[in-house]
């Protein structure tokens, strides 16, 4: 009985950690694993080869009140995409404005991650429309 239960745990853990490897998307070191996963998921049905490089994400904060109690955050991102084996390079830019004014570090981090995913979605839509 113990061996059957142990075997079941091994099979389930192996299946949950399985990730499809898409060989037509190449990334440099500027991408996190979450960014790679998100772009792989977004571009999984394309057969074109893409090389992503130089992801740069900046966060800017602006005070609304003179006391500094309320603020807006703008996240801006840049990315270079080399399409196929040619010298065709796209330079993409996108930005999002966060107006929720979260001061808590947990909520601010979650909102930052959400906006980062939305920016990556913008990049995916631009790539899918132009190629």
N, C-alpha and C. Protein backbone atom coordinates (compact mmCIF):
# COMPACT_ATOMS: atom_id res chain seq x y z
N UNK A 1 0.82 -1.19 0.00
CA UNK A 1 0.00 0.00 0.00
C UNK A 1 0.87 1.25 0.00
N UNK A 2 1.91 1.24 0.81
CA UNK A 2 2.81 2.40 0.87
C UNK A 2 3.48 2.64 -0.47
N UNK A 3 3.88 1.58 -1.15
CA UNK A 3 4.56 1.72 -2.44
C UNK A 3 3.62 2.30 -3.48
N UNK A 4 2.35 1.88 -3.49
CA UNK A 4 1.38 2.45 -4.43
C UNK A 4 1.16 3.93 -4.16
N UNK A 5 1.03 4.31 -2.92
CA UNK A 5 0.85 5.73 -2.57
C UNK A 5 2.08 6.55 -2.95
N UNK A 6 3.24 5.99 -2.68
CA UNK A 6 4.49 6.68 -3.01
C UNK A 6 4.62 6.85 -4.52
N UNK A 7 4.27 5.82 -5.29
CA UNK A 7 4.33 5.88 -6.74
C UNK A 7 3.35 6.94 -7.27
N UNK A 8 2.16 7.02 -6.69
CA UNK A 8 1.17 8.02 -7.08
C UNK A 8 1.69 9.43 -6.84
N UNK A 9 2.34 9.66 -5.71
CA UNK A 9 2.90 10.97 -5.40
C UNK A 9 3.99 11.34 -6.41
N UNK A 10 4.83 10.40 -6.77
CA UNK A 10 5.90 10.66 -7.74
C UNK A 10 5.31 11.00 -9.10
N UNK A 11 4.31 10.26 -9.54
CA UNK A 11 3.69 10.51 -10.84
C UNK A 11 3.02 11.88 -10.85
N UNK A 12 2.27 12.21 -9.82
CA UNK A 12 1.58 13.50 -9.77
C UNK A 12 2.56 14.67 -9.69
N UNK A 13 3.62 14.53 -8.95
CA UNK A 13 4.60 15.62 -8.87
C UNK A 13 5.33 15.78 -10.19
N UNK A 14 5.59 14.69 -10.88
CA UNK A 14 6.23 14.78 -12.20
C UNK A 14 5.35 15.44 -13.21
N UNK A 15 4.05 15.15 -13.18
CA UNK A 15 3.11 15.76 -14.12
C UNK A 15 2.92 17.24 -13.83
N UNK A 16 2.92 17.63 -12.57
CA UNK A 16 2.69 19.03 -12.24
C UNK A 16 3.90 19.90 -12.58
N UNK A 17 5.09 19.33 -12.61
CA UNK A 17 6.27 20.13 -12.93
C UNK A 17 6.64 20.07 -14.40
N UNK A 18 5.87 19.34 -15.21
CA UNK A 18 6.14 19.25 -16.63
C UNK A 18 5.80 20.56 -17.30
N UNK A 19 6.72 21.06 -18.10
CA UNK A 19 6.50 22.31 -18.81
C UNK A 19 6.86 22.10 -20.27
N UNK A 20 5.97 22.54 -21.14
CA UNK A 20 6.22 22.40 -22.57
C UNK A 20 7.36 23.31 -22.97
N UNK A 21 8.33 22.76 -23.67
CA UNK A 21 9.47 23.54 -24.12
C UNK A 21 9.23 23.94 -25.56
N UNK A 22 9.16 25.22 -25.80
CA UNK A 22 8.91 25.74 -27.13
C UNK A 22 10.24 26.20 -27.69
N UNK A 23 10.74 25.52 -28.68
CA UNK A 23 12.09 25.79 -29.16
C UNK A 23 12.17 26.98 -30.11
N UNK A 24 11.03 27.54 -30.52
CA UNK A 24 11.09 28.68 -31.44
C UNK A 24 11.13 30.03 -30.72
N UNK A 25 11.16 30.04 -29.38
CA UNK A 25 11.29 31.27 -28.62
C UNK A 25 12.58 31.23 -27.81
N UNK A 26 13.43 32.22 -28.04
CA UNK A 26 14.72 32.29 -27.35
C UNK A 26 14.77 33.58 -26.54
N UNK A 27 15.30 33.49 -25.32
CA UNK A 27 15.34 34.63 -24.41
C UNK A 27 16.77 34.85 -23.93
N UNK A 28 17.11 36.12 -23.68
CA UNK A 28 18.39 36.39 -23.04
C UNK A 28 18.19 36.43 -21.53
N UNK A 29 19.19 36.84 -20.79
CA UNK A 29 19.15 36.81 -19.34
C UNK A 29 18.32 37.89 -18.69
N UNK A 30 17.75 38.81 -19.45
CA UNK A 30 16.98 39.90 -18.85
C UNK A 30 15.54 39.50 -18.52
N UNK A 31 15.15 38.27 -18.81
CA UNK A 31 13.79 37.80 -18.57
C UNK A 31 13.76 36.89 -17.36
N UNK A 32 12.74 37.07 -16.53
CA UNK A 32 12.54 36.16 -15.40
C UNK A 32 11.83 34.90 -15.92
N UNK A 33 11.79 33.87 -15.10
CA UNK A 33 11.10 32.64 -15.50
C UNK A 33 9.61 32.90 -15.72
N UNK A 34 9.01 33.77 -14.91
CA UNK A 34 7.58 34.09 -15.09
C UNK A 34 7.35 34.81 -16.41
N UNK A 35 8.27 35.71 -16.80
CA UNK A 35 8.16 36.40 -18.09
C UNK A 35 8.26 35.40 -19.24
N UNK A 36 9.19 34.49 -19.16
CA UNK A 36 9.37 33.48 -20.20
C UNK A 36 8.13 32.60 -20.32
N UNK A 37 7.61 32.18 -19.17
CA UNK A 37 6.41 31.35 -19.18
C UNK A 37 5.24 32.09 -19.81
N UNK A 38 5.06 33.36 -19.45
CA UNK A 38 3.95 34.15 -19.96
C UNK A 38 4.06 34.34 -21.48
N UNK A 39 5.25 34.65 -21.98
CA UNK A 39 5.42 34.83 -23.42
C UNK A 39 5.29 33.50 -24.16
N UNK A 40 5.78 32.41 -23.57
CA UNK A 40 5.59 31.09 -24.19
C UNK A 40 4.12 30.75 -24.31
N UNK A 41 3.36 31.04 -23.27
CA UNK A 41 1.93 30.77 -23.28
C UNK A 41 1.21 31.62 -24.32
N UNK A 42 1.60 32.86 -24.43
CA UNK A 42 0.95 33.79 -25.35
C UNK A 42 1.27 33.46 -26.81
N UNK A 43 2.49 33.03 -27.08
CA UNK A 43 2.93 32.79 -28.46
C UNK A 43 3.06 31.31 -28.79
N UNK A 44 2.32 30.46 -28.09
CA UNK A 44 2.49 29.02 -28.27
C UNK A 44 2.03 28.51 -29.63
N UNK A 45 1.14 29.20 -30.31
CA UNK A 45 0.63 28.72 -31.59
C UNK A 45 1.37 29.27 -32.80
N UNK A 46 2.46 29.98 -32.59
CA UNK A 46 3.22 30.51 -33.71
C UNK A 46 4.34 29.56 -34.09
N UNK A 47 4.63 29.53 -35.37
CA UNK A 47 5.73 28.67 -35.84
C UNK A 47 6.97 29.50 -36.14
N UNK A 48 6.85 30.81 -36.12
CA UNK A 48 7.97 31.71 -36.38
C UNK A 48 8.95 31.67 -35.23
N UNK A 49 10.24 31.82 -35.53
CA UNK A 49 11.27 31.86 -34.50
C UNK A 49 11.48 33.30 -34.04
N UNK A 50 11.47 33.49 -32.72
CA UNK A 50 11.67 34.81 -32.13
C UNK A 50 12.83 34.75 -31.14
N UNK A 51 13.63 35.81 -31.14
CA UNK A 51 14.68 35.96 -30.14
C UNK A 51 14.41 37.25 -29.39
N UNK A 52 14.12 37.12 -28.10
CA UNK A 52 13.79 38.27 -27.25
C UNK A 52 15.03 38.69 -26.49
N UNK A 53 15.26 40.00 -26.45
CA UNK A 53 16.43 40.50 -25.73
C UNK A 53 16.16 41.89 -25.15
N UNK A 54 17.00 42.26 -24.22
CA UNK A 54 17.03 43.60 -23.62
C UNK A 54 15.69 44.05 -23.05
N UNK A 55 15.06 43.21 -22.24
CA UNK A 55 13.85 43.62 -21.54
C UNK A 55 14.24 44.60 -20.44
N UNK A 56 13.63 45.77 -20.50
CA UNK A 56 13.92 46.82 -19.51
C UNK A 56 12.60 47.34 -18.99
N UNK A 57 12.37 47.17 -17.69
CA UNK A 57 11.13 47.64 -17.07
C UNK A 57 11.48 48.66 -15.99
N UNK A 58 10.88 49.84 -16.11
CA UNK A 58 11.13 50.93 -15.17
C UNK A 58 9.82 51.32 -14.51
N UNK A 59 9.93 51.72 -13.24
CA UNK A 59 8.76 52.15 -12.48
C UNK A 59 8.99 53.59 -12.01
N UNK A 60 8.03 54.45 -12.31
CA UNK A 60 8.12 55.86 -11.94
C UNK A 60 6.95 56.19 -11.02
N UNK A 61 7.22 56.99 -10.00
CA UNK A 61 6.18 57.36 -9.04
C UNK A 61 6.06 58.87 -9.00
N UNK A 62 4.81 59.34 -8.89
CA UNK A 62 4.53 60.77 -8.89
C UNK A 62 3.56 61.07 -7.76
N UNK A 63 3.86 62.08 -6.95
CA UNK A 63 2.97 62.49 -5.86
C UNK A 63 1.80 63.29 -6.42
N UNK A 64 0.62 63.03 -5.87
CA UNK A 64 -0.56 63.79 -6.26
C UNK A 64 -0.81 64.90 -5.26
N UNK A 65 -0.63 64.61 -3.98
CA UNK A 65 -0.84 65.62 -2.95
C UNK A 65 0.51 66.13 -2.44
N UNK A 66 0.50 67.30 -1.87
CA UNK A 66 1.75 67.88 -1.38
C UNK A 66 2.30 67.11 -0.17
N UNK A 67 1.42 66.40 0.55
CA UNK A 67 1.88 65.62 1.70
C UNK A 67 2.51 64.30 1.28
N UNK A 68 2.35 63.92 0.04
CA UNK A 68 2.91 62.67 -0.44
C UNK A 68 2.11 61.45 -0.03
N UNK A 69 0.83 61.65 0.35
CA UNK A 69 0.02 60.53 0.80
C UNK A 69 -0.60 59.76 -0.36
N UNK A 70 -0.82 60.41 -1.47
CA UNK A 70 -1.36 59.74 -2.63
C UNK A 70 -0.36 59.85 -3.78
N UNK A 71 -0.31 58.82 -4.58
CA UNK A 71 0.64 58.83 -5.67
C UNK A 71 0.17 57.93 -6.81
N UNK A 72 0.66 58.18 -7.98
CA UNK A 72 0.45 57.34 -9.14
C UNK A 72 1.77 56.65 -9.48
N UNK A 73 1.67 55.47 -10.03
CA UNK A 73 2.85 54.74 -10.45
C UNK A 73 2.71 54.42 -11.93
N UNK A 74 3.75 54.69 -12.69
CA UNK A 74 3.76 54.37 -14.11
C UNK A 74 4.87 53.34 -14.35
N UNK A 75 4.51 52.26 -15.02
CA UNK A 75 5.48 51.22 -15.37
C UNK A 75 5.67 51.26 -16.87
N UNK A 76 6.90 51.40 -17.28
CA UNK A 76 7.25 51.50 -18.69
C UNK A 76 8.22 50.37 -19.03
N UNK A 77 8.05 49.78 -20.22
CA UNK A 77 8.90 48.65 -20.60
C UNK A 77 9.35 48.78 -22.05
N UNK A 78 10.53 48.25 -22.31
CA UNK A 78 11.10 48.19 -23.66
C UNK A 78 11.59 46.78 -23.90
N UNK A 79 11.57 46.39 -25.17
CA UNK A 79 11.94 45.03 -25.53
C UNK A 79 12.38 45.01 -26.99
N UNK A 80 13.39 44.20 -27.28
CA UNK A 80 13.82 43.99 -28.67
C UNK A 80 13.48 42.57 -29.06
N UNK A 81 12.94 42.42 -30.27
CA UNK A 81 12.56 41.11 -30.78
C UNK A 81 13.19 40.93 -32.15
N UNK A 82 13.97 39.87 -32.30
CA UNK A 82 14.54 39.50 -33.59
C UNK A 82 13.64 38.41 -34.18
N UNK A 83 13.14 38.65 -35.36
CA UNK A 83 12.18 37.74 -35.97
C UNK A 83 12.89 36.84 -36.98
N UNK A 84 12.82 35.55 -36.74
CA UNK A 84 13.42 34.58 -37.65
C UNK A 84 14.92 34.68 -37.72
N UNK A 85 15.47 34.25 -38.85
CA UNK A 85 16.91 34.27 -39.06
C UNK A 85 17.36 35.57 -39.75
N UNK A 86 16.43 36.46 -40.02
CA UNK A 86 16.75 37.70 -40.71
C UNK A 86 17.23 38.76 -39.73
N UNK A 87 17.56 39.90 -40.24
CA UNK A 87 18.00 41.03 -39.41
C UNK A 87 16.82 41.93 -39.03
N UNK A 88 15.60 41.41 -39.14
CA UNK A 88 14.40 42.17 -38.83
C UNK A 88 14.22 42.24 -37.32
N UNK A 89 14.49 43.41 -36.74
CA UNK A 89 14.42 43.59 -35.28
C UNK A 89 13.32 44.61 -34.96
N UNK A 90 12.40 44.22 -34.10
CA UNK A 90 11.37 45.13 -33.62
C UNK A 90 11.79 45.69 -32.27
N UNK A 91 11.63 46.98 -32.09
CA UNK A 91 11.82 47.60 -30.77
C UNK A 91 10.44 47.98 -30.26
N UNK A 92 10.01 47.31 -29.21
CA UNK A 92 8.66 47.50 -28.69
C UNK A 92 8.70 48.29 -27.39
N UNK A 93 7.68 49.14 -27.20
CA UNK A 93 7.53 49.90 -25.97
C UNK A 93 6.08 49.85 -25.52
N UNK A 94 5.88 49.79 -24.23
CA UNK A 94 4.54 49.81 -23.67
C UNK A 94 4.62 50.39 -22.26
N UNK A 95 3.52 50.96 -21.81
CA UNK A 95 3.49 51.47 -20.44
C UNK A 95 2.08 51.34 -19.89
N UNK A 96 1.99 51.28 -18.59
CA UNK A 96 0.72 51.19 -17.87
C UNK A 96 0.78 52.12 -16.67
N UNK A 97 -0.37 52.67 -16.33
CA UNK A 97 -0.48 53.58 -15.20
C UNK A 97 -1.27 52.89 -14.09
N UNK A 98 -0.72 52.89 -12.89
CA UNK A 98 -1.36 52.30 -11.72
C UNK A 98 -1.87 53.43 -10.84
N UNK A 99 -3.17 53.47 -10.62
CA UNK A 99 -3.75 54.54 -9.81
C UNK A 99 -4.40 54.03 -8.54
N UNK A 100 -4.06 52.81 -8.12
CA UNK A 100 -4.72 52.24 -6.95
C UNK A 100 -4.12 52.72 -5.63
N UNK A 101 -2.94 53.29 -5.64
CA UNK A 101 -2.31 53.89 -4.46
C UNK A 101 -2.10 52.92 -3.30
N UNK A 102 -1.70 51.71 -3.59
CA UNK A 102 -1.42 50.76 -2.52
C UNK A 102 -0.10 51.13 -1.85
N UNK A 103 -0.13 51.25 -0.55
CA UNK A 103 1.07 51.54 0.20
C UNK A 103 1.64 50.24 0.78
N UNK A 104 0.79 49.27 1.07
CA UNK A 104 1.24 48.00 1.60
C UNK A 104 2.17 47.33 0.60
N UNK A 105 3.27 46.81 1.06
CA UNK A 105 4.26 46.23 0.16
C UNK A 105 3.72 44.99 -0.56
N UNK A 106 2.88 44.20 0.11
CA UNK A 106 2.32 43.01 -0.53
C UNK A 106 1.37 43.38 -1.66
N UNK A 107 0.50 44.33 -1.42
CA UNK A 107 -0.45 44.75 -2.46
C UNK A 107 0.26 45.47 -3.59
N UNK A 108 1.24 46.28 -3.27
CA UNK A 108 1.99 46.99 -4.31
C UNK A 108 2.75 46.01 -5.19
N UNK A 109 3.34 44.98 -4.61
CA UNK A 109 4.06 43.98 -5.39
C UNK A 109 3.12 43.19 -6.29
N UNK A 110 1.96 42.85 -5.78
CA UNK A 110 0.97 42.12 -6.58
C UNK A 110 0.47 42.97 -7.74
N UNK A 111 0.24 44.24 -7.47
CA UNK A 111 -0.20 45.15 -8.54
C UNK A 111 0.90 45.33 -9.59
N UNK A 112 2.14 45.41 -9.16
CA UNK A 112 3.28 45.51 -10.07
C UNK A 112 3.35 44.28 -10.97
N UNK A 113 3.18 43.09 -10.40
CA UNK A 113 3.22 41.86 -11.19
C UNK A 113 2.07 41.80 -12.18
N UNK A 114 0.89 42.27 -11.78
CA UNK A 114 -0.25 42.31 -12.70
C UNK A 114 0.01 43.24 -13.87
N UNK A 115 0.55 44.43 -13.58
CA UNK A 115 0.85 45.37 -14.65
C UNK A 115 1.96 44.85 -15.57
N UNK A 116 2.90 44.14 -15.00
CA UNK A 116 3.98 43.54 -15.80
C UNK A 116 3.41 42.52 -16.79
N UNK A 117 2.46 41.69 -16.33
CA UNK A 117 1.81 40.73 -17.22
C UNK A 117 1.00 41.44 -18.31
N UNK A 118 0.34 42.53 -17.95
CA UNK A 118 -0.42 43.28 -18.95
C UNK A 118 0.50 43.88 -20.02
N UNK A 119 1.66 44.34 -19.61
CA UNK A 119 2.63 44.87 -20.56
C UNK A 119 3.14 43.76 -21.48
N UNK A 120 3.40 42.58 -20.93
CA UNK A 120 3.81 41.45 -21.76
C UNK A 120 2.70 41.04 -22.72
N UNK A 121 1.44 41.16 -22.28
CA UNK A 121 0.33 40.91 -23.20
C UNK A 121 0.31 41.92 -24.33
N UNK A 122 0.60 43.18 -24.01
CA UNK A 122 0.69 44.20 -25.07
C UNK A 122 1.74 43.82 -26.10
N UNK A 123 2.90 43.36 -25.63
CA UNK A 123 3.97 42.93 -26.53
C UNK A 123 3.52 41.76 -27.41
N UNK A 124 2.82 40.81 -26.81
CA UNK A 124 2.33 39.66 -27.58
C UNK A 124 1.36 40.10 -28.68
N UNK A 125 0.45 40.99 -28.33
CA UNK A 125 -0.51 41.45 -29.32
C UNK A 125 0.17 42.19 -30.46
N UNK A 126 1.15 43.00 -30.15
CA UNK A 126 1.89 43.71 -31.19
C UNK A 126 2.63 42.73 -32.10
N UNK A 127 3.25 41.73 -31.52
CA UNK A 127 3.98 40.73 -32.31
C UNK A 127 3.04 39.94 -33.19
N UNK A 128 1.90 39.52 -32.64
CA UNK A 128 0.96 38.73 -33.42
C UNK A 128 0.31 39.53 -34.53
N UNK A 129 0.11 40.83 -34.35
CA UNK A 129 -0.49 41.68 -35.39
C UNK A 129 0.49 41.99 -36.51
N UNK A 130 1.75 42.20 -36.16
CA UNK A 130 2.72 42.67 -37.14
C UNK A 130 3.44 41.57 -37.87
N UNK A 131 3.33 40.35 -37.42
CA UNK A 131 4.10 39.28 -38.07
C UNK A 131 3.16 38.26 -38.68
